[in-house]
Amino acid sequence: MSQSFPIILGEKIKHARENLGLSIDDLATQATLSKKQLGQIENGGDESFYSAAIKLIAARKVARILDLEEDEYLEKVESPNSSKNT
């Protein structure tokens, strides 16, 4: 069974970073990520991450630094197996 992960809204993370006046270098250092990893969180891509789960963990770490709530930077994905009983 495959696990679905929320969609990371990278533009929201980028906007929050810019509003705080942080450069990619500054935030990457604070989050102990590479600039390439942070760029992929903000702009998409996943080559720098071993898995979607690790990218999500990194995005949550960045969001905590930026003081973002999950609903501000994550979009929940409905599982195709979840059905509503009506």
N, C-alpha and C. Protein backbone atom coordinates (compact mmCIF):
# COMPACT_ATOMS: atom_id res chain seq x y z
N MET A 1 0.85 -1.18 0.00
CA MET A 1 0.00 0.00 0.00
C MET A 1 0.90 1.24 0.00
N SER A 2 0.66 2.15 -0.92
CA SER A 2 1.47 3.37 -0.98
C SER A 2 0.88 4.45 -0.08
N GLN A 3 1.76 5.23 0.45
CA GLN A 3 1.34 6.29 1.36
C GLN A 3 1.32 7.61 0.59
N SER A 4 0.26 8.38 0.77
CA SER A 4 0.21 9.69 0.12
C SER A 4 0.65 10.76 1.11
N PHE A 5 1.40 11.69 0.60
CA PHE A 5 1.92 12.77 1.43
C PHE A 5 1.24 14.07 1.04
N PRO A 6 1.14 15.00 1.99
CA PRO A 6 0.57 16.31 1.64
C PRO A 6 1.45 17.02 0.61
N ILE A 7 0.85 17.89 -0.13
CA ILE A 7 1.58 18.70 -1.11
C ILE A 7 2.19 19.89 -0.38
N ILE A 8 3.48 20.08 -0.58
CA ILE A 8 4.18 21.22 0.02
C ILE A 8 3.95 22.45 -0.86
N LEU A 9 3.39 23.49 -0.28
CA LEU A 9 3.14 24.73 -1.00
C LEU A 9 4.38 25.61 -0.87
N GLY A 10 5.33 25.35 -1.74
CA GLY A 10 6.64 26.00 -1.67
C GLY A 10 6.58 27.51 -1.78
N GLU A 11 5.66 28.03 -2.57
CA GLU A 11 5.53 29.48 -2.71
C GLU A 11 5.20 30.14 -1.37
N LYS A 12 4.41 29.46 -0.56
CA LYS A 12 4.06 30.00 0.77
C LYS A 12 5.30 30.05 1.65
N ILE A 13 6.13 29.03 1.57
CA ILE A 13 7.37 29.00 2.35
C ILE A 13 8.31 30.09 1.87
N LYS A 14 8.45 30.21 0.56
CA LYS A 14 9.32 31.25 -0.01
C LYS A 14 8.84 32.64 0.39
N HIS A 15 7.55 32.87 0.31
CA HIS A 15 6.98 34.17 0.67
C HIS A 15 7.26 34.49 2.15
N ALA A 16 7.08 33.51 3.02
CA ALA A 16 7.33 33.72 4.45
C ALA A 16 8.81 34.03 4.69
N ARG A 17 9.69 33.31 3.99
CA ARG A 17 11.13 33.56 4.13
C ARG A 17 11.47 34.99 3.70
N GLU A 18 10.96 35.39 2.56
CA GLU A 18 11.24 36.73 2.04
C GLU A 18 10.66 37.80 2.95
N ASN A 19 9.47 37.57 3.51
CA ASN A 19 8.87 38.54 4.43
C ASN A 19 9.70 38.74 5.69
N LEU A 20 10.41 37.69 6.10
CA LEU A 20 11.28 37.80 7.27
C LEU A 20 12.66 38.35 6.91
N GLY A 21 12.88 38.61 5.63
CA GLY A 21 14.17 39.16 5.20
C GLY A 21 15.29 38.15 5.22
N LEU A 22 14.96 36.86 5.13
CA LEU A 22 15.99 35.82 5.16
C LEU A 22 16.38 35.43 3.74
N SER A 23 17.65 35.26 3.51
CA SER A 23 18.11 34.74 2.22
C SER A 23 18.01 33.22 2.26
N ILE A 24 18.14 32.62 1.09
CA ILE A 24 18.17 31.15 1.03
C ILE A 24 19.34 30.64 1.85
N ASP A 25 20.49 31.31 1.76
CA ASP A 25 21.67 30.92 2.55
C ASP A 25 21.37 30.93 4.05
N ASP A 26 20.74 32.02 4.51
CA ASP A 26 20.44 32.16 5.94
C ASP A 26 19.53 31.04 6.43
N LEU A 27 18.44 30.81 5.70
CA LEU A 27 17.47 29.82 6.14
C LEU A 27 18.03 28.40 6.01
N ALA A 28 18.77 28.14 4.95
CA ALA A 28 19.38 26.81 4.79
C ALA A 28 20.33 26.51 5.96
N THR A 29 21.09 27.50 6.36
CA THR A 29 22.00 27.32 7.50
C THR A 29 21.22 27.05 8.78
N GLN A 30 20.18 27.84 9.03
CA GLN A 30 19.38 27.64 10.24
C GLN A 30 18.71 26.27 10.27
N ALA A 31 18.31 25.78 9.10
CA ALA A 31 17.59 24.51 9.02
C ALA A 31 18.53 23.31 8.82
N THR A 32 19.82 23.59 8.73
CA THR A 32 20.84 22.57 8.42
C THR A 32 20.48 21.78 7.16
N LEU A 33 20.11 22.52 6.12
CA LEU A 33 19.84 21.96 4.81
C LEU A 33 20.77 22.60 3.80
N SER A 34 20.93 21.96 2.66
CA SER A 34 21.70 22.61 1.60
C SER A 34 20.82 23.64 0.91
N LYS A 35 21.44 24.58 0.22
CA LYS A 35 20.67 25.57 -0.54
C LYS A 35 19.84 24.87 -1.61
N LYS A 36 20.37 23.81 -2.19
CA LYS A 36 19.64 23.07 -3.22
C LYS A 36 18.39 22.42 -2.62
N GLN A 37 18.52 21.84 -1.43
CA GLN A 37 17.35 21.24 -0.78
C GLN A 37 16.29 22.29 -0.48
N LEU A 38 16.70 23.42 0.07
CA LEU A 38 15.74 24.48 0.37
C LEU A 38 15.08 24.98 -0.91
N GLY A 39 15.86 25.13 -1.97
CA GLY A 39 15.31 25.54 -3.25
C GLY A 39 14.27 24.55 -3.76
N GLN A 40 14.50 23.26 -3.54
CA GLN A 40 13.54 22.26 -3.99
C GLN A 40 12.29 22.25 -3.12
N ILE A 41 12.40 22.63 -1.88
CA ILE A 41 11.21 22.77 -1.04
C ILE A 41 10.38 23.95 -1.54
N GLU A 42 11.05 25.04 -1.87
CA GLU A 42 10.34 26.24 -2.32
C GLU A 42 9.82 26.13 -3.75
N ASN A 43 10.58 25.48 -4.62
CA ASN A 43 10.27 25.51 -6.05
C ASN A 43 9.90 24.17 -6.66
N GLY A 44 9.90 23.13 -5.87
CA GLY A 44 9.60 21.80 -6.39
C GLY A 44 10.86 21.02 -6.69
N GLY A 45 10.68 19.76 -6.98
CA GLY A 45 11.81 18.88 -7.22
C GLY A 45 12.11 18.08 -5.97
N ASP A 46 12.75 16.96 -6.18
CA ASP A 46 13.05 16.12 -5.02
C ASP A 46 14.35 15.32 -5.17
N GLU A 47 15.17 15.67 -6.14
CA GLU A 47 16.41 14.93 -6.37
C GLU A 47 17.35 14.95 -5.16
N SER A 48 17.26 15.98 -4.34
CA SER A 48 18.16 16.13 -3.20
C SER A 48 17.68 15.41 -1.95
N PHE A 49 16.53 14.74 -2.04
CA PHE A 49 15.97 14.05 -0.88
C PHE A 49 15.87 12.56 -1.18
N TYR A 50 16.14 11.74 -0.16
CA TYR A 50 16.07 10.28 -0.33
C TYR A 50 14.64 9.81 -0.56
N SER A 51 13.67 10.53 -0.01
CA SER A 51 12.27 10.12 -0.14
C SER A 51 11.35 11.33 0.07
N ALA A 52 10.09 11.14 -0.29
CA ALA A 52 9.09 12.19 -0.07
C ALA A 52 8.92 12.44 1.43
N ALA A 53 9.05 11.40 2.23
CA ALA A 53 8.90 11.55 3.68
C ALA A 53 10.00 12.44 4.25
N ILE A 54 11.21 12.27 3.78
CA ILE A 54 12.32 13.10 4.27
C ILE A 54 12.16 14.55 3.82
N LYS A 55 11.67 14.75 2.59
CA LYS A 55 11.42 16.12 2.13
C LYS A 55 10.35 16.77 2.99
N LEU A 56 9.32 16.02 3.34
CA LEU A 56 8.26 16.56 4.19
C LEU A 56 8.79 16.93 5.58
N ILE A 57 9.64 16.10 6.13
CA ILE A 57 10.25 16.41 7.44
C ILE A 57 11.07 17.69 7.34
N ALA A 58 11.84 17.83 6.26
CA ALA A 58 12.65 19.04 6.07
C ALA A 58 11.75 20.27 5.91
N ALA A 59 10.65 20.14 5.16
CA ALA A 59 9.73 21.27 4.98
C ALA A 59 9.12 21.67 6.32
N ARG A 60 8.77 20.70 7.15
CA ARG A 60 8.21 21.02 8.47
C ARG A 60 9.23 21.74 9.34
N LYS A 61 10.49 21.34 9.25
CA LYS A 61 11.55 21.99 10.00
C LYS A 61 11.69 23.46 9.56
N VAL A 62 11.69 23.68 8.26
CA VAL A 62 11.78 25.04 7.71
C VAL A 62 10.58 25.86 8.16
N ALA A 63 9.40 25.27 8.09
CA ALA A 63 8.18 25.99 8.47
C ALA A 63 8.19 26.38 9.95
N ARG A 64 8.73 25.52 10.80
CA ARG A 64 8.83 25.89 12.23
C ARG A 64 9.73 27.11 12.42
N ILE A 65 10.82 27.15 11.67
CA ILE A 65 11.72 28.31 11.75
C ILE A 65 10.99 29.57 11.29
N LEU A 66 10.15 29.44 10.28
CA LEU A 66 9.40 30.57 9.73
C LEU A 66 8.11 30.85 10.48
N ASP A 67 7.82 30.05 11.50
CA ASP A 67 6.62 30.20 12.32
C ASP A 67 5.33 30.05 11.50
N LEU A 68 5.32 29.05 10.61
CA LEU A 68 4.15 28.76 9.80
C LEU A 68 3.38 27.59 10.40
N GLU A 69 2.07 27.65 10.32
CA GLU A 69 1.22 26.53 10.71
C GLU A 69 1.09 25.58 9.51
N GLU A 70 0.84 24.31 9.78
CA GLU A 70 0.77 23.33 8.69
C GLU A 70 -0.24 23.70 7.61
N ASP A 71 -1.38 24.24 8.00
CA ASP A 71 -2.39 24.57 6.99
C ASP A 71 -1.97 25.76 6.12
N GLU A 72 -0.89 26.43 6.49
CA GLU A 72 -0.40 27.54 5.69
C GLU A 72 0.54 27.09 4.58
N TYR A 73 1.15 25.92 4.70
CA TYR A 73 2.14 25.50 3.71
C TYR A 73 1.95 24.06 3.22
N LEU A 74 0.96 23.36 3.75
CA LEU A 74 0.69 21.99 3.30
C LEU A 74 -0.75 21.87 2.80
N GLU A 75 -0.91 21.14 1.72
CA GLU A 75 -2.24 20.85 1.20
C GLU A 75 -2.47 19.35 1.35
N LYS A 76 -3.47 19.01 2.13
CA LYS A 76 -3.77 17.60 2.38
C LYS A 76 -4.26 16.93 1.10
N VAL A 77 -3.86 15.69 0.93
CA VAL A 77 -4.28 14.90 -0.22
C VAL A 77 -5.17 13.79 0.28
N GLU A 78 -6.35 13.71 -0.31
CA GLU A 78 -7.29 12.64 0.05
C GLU A 78 -6.77 11.33 -0.51
N SER A 79 -6.79 10.30 0.30
CA SER A 79 -6.39 8.97 -0.16
C SER A 79 -7.48 8.43 -1.08
N PRO A 80 -7.09 7.83 -2.21
CA PRO A 80 -8.11 7.30 -3.12
C PRO A 80 -8.91 6.15 -2.47
N ASN A 81 -8.36 5.53 -1.45
CA ASN A 81 -9.03 4.43 -0.77
C ASN A 81 -10.01 4.89 0.29
N SER A 82 -9.93 6.18 0.65
CA SER A 82 -10.85 6.66 1.69
C SER A 82 -12.20 6.96 1.05
N SER A 83 -13.21 6.31 1.55
CA SER A 83 -14.54 6.55 1.02
C SER A 83 -15.45 6.98 2.15
N LYS A 84 -16.45 7.73 1.79
CA LYS A 84 -17.39 8.22 2.79
C LYS A 84 -18.60 7.31 2.81
N ASN A 85 -18.97 6.92 3.97
CA ASN A 85 -20.16 6.10 4.11
C ASN A 85 -21.38 6.99 4.16
N THR A 86 -22.23 6.84 3.17
CA THR A 86 -23.46 7.65 3.14
C THR A 86 -24.67 6.77 3.07
